Amino acid sequence: MDSLNTSTQTQLIYYWLDGYWITDPEEAELMDSINAFGSLHQVAELPLEADIDAEVRRLLS
């Protein structure tokens, strides 16, 4: 039985309430440790081809 490969490559985005985002988890932890943005980061899994700015705005709205 053949199955379709429907997996999409994704990336993790670390973002803050002010809209700033990065892709490095260690940097996200560092930014939180020094309270750089006044909030703790959130994590989103997005397709590689996603418009990250638009997706972060959507997540924050």
Protein backbone atom coordinates (compact mmCIF):
# COMPACT_ATOMS: atom_id res chain seq x y z
CA MET A 1 0.00 0.00 0.00
CA ASP A 2 1.45 3.32 -1.08
CA SER A 3 1.02 6.39 1.08
CA LEU A 4 1.31 10.00 0.12
CA ASN A 5 4.12 11.96 1.66
CA THR A 6 2.27 15.00 2.96
CA SER A 7 4.91 16.13 5.43
CA THR A 8 5.90 19.77 5.22
CA GLN A 9 9.26 20.99 6.39
CA THR A 10 8.83 23.36 9.29
CA GLN A 11 10.87 25.68 11.45
CA LEU A 12 10.47 26.86 15.01
CA ILE A 13 10.09 30.59 15.55
CA TYR A 14 10.59 32.22 18.94
CA TYR A 15 8.64 35.46 19.26
CA TRP A 16 7.70 38.09 21.84
CA LEU A 17 4.60 40.20 22.42
CA ASP A 18 6.21 43.21 20.74
CA GLY A 19 6.50 41.25 17.46
CA TYR A 20 10.25 40.61 17.56
CA TRP A 21 11.13 37.05 16.48
CA ILE A 22 14.20 34.86 16.02
CA THR A 23 14.96 31.26 15.07
CA ASP A 24 17.70 30.48 17.62
CA PRO A 25 16.41 28.83 20.83
CA GLU A 26 19.54 29.68 22.82
CA GLU A 27 19.26 33.35 21.90
CA ALA A 28 15.58 33.27 22.87
CA GLU A 29 16.49 31.95 26.31
CA LEU A 30 19.17 34.61 26.65
CA MET A 31 16.76 37.38 25.70
CA ASP A 32 14.29 36.10 28.30
CA SER A 33 16.99 35.87 30.98
CA ILE A 34 17.78 39.57 30.62
CA ASN A 35 14.11 40.53 30.14
CA ALA A 36 14.98 42.15 26.83
CA PHE A 37 11.38 42.49 25.61
CA GLY A 38 9.33 42.65 28.82
CA SER A 39 7.71 39.29 28.15
CA LEU A 40 8.72 35.66 27.79
CA HIS A 41 8.99 34.25 24.28
CA GLN A 42 6.34 32.11 22.66
CA VAL A 43 7.08 29.34 20.15
CA ALA A 44 5.41 28.70 16.81
CA GLU A 45 6.07 25.97 14.27
CA LEU A 46 5.74 27.37 10.76
CA PRO A 47 6.36 26.03 7.26
CA LEU A 48 9.77 26.97 5.87
CA GLU A 49 8.16 29.08 3.15
CA ALA A 50 5.91 31.02 5.58
CA ASP A 51 5.94 34.80 5.73
CA ILE A 52 7.20 34.93 9.32
CA ASP A 53 6.40 38.60 9.91
CA ALA A 54 2.80 38.08 8.78
CA GLU A 55 2.42 34.88 10.80
CA VAL A 56 3.77 36.51 13.99
CA ARG A 57 1.36 39.44 13.51
CA ARG A 58 -1.49 36.94 13.06
CA LEU A 59 -0.49 35.03 16.20
CA LEU A 60 -0.36 38.22 18.22
CA SER A 61 -3.74 39.53 17.04
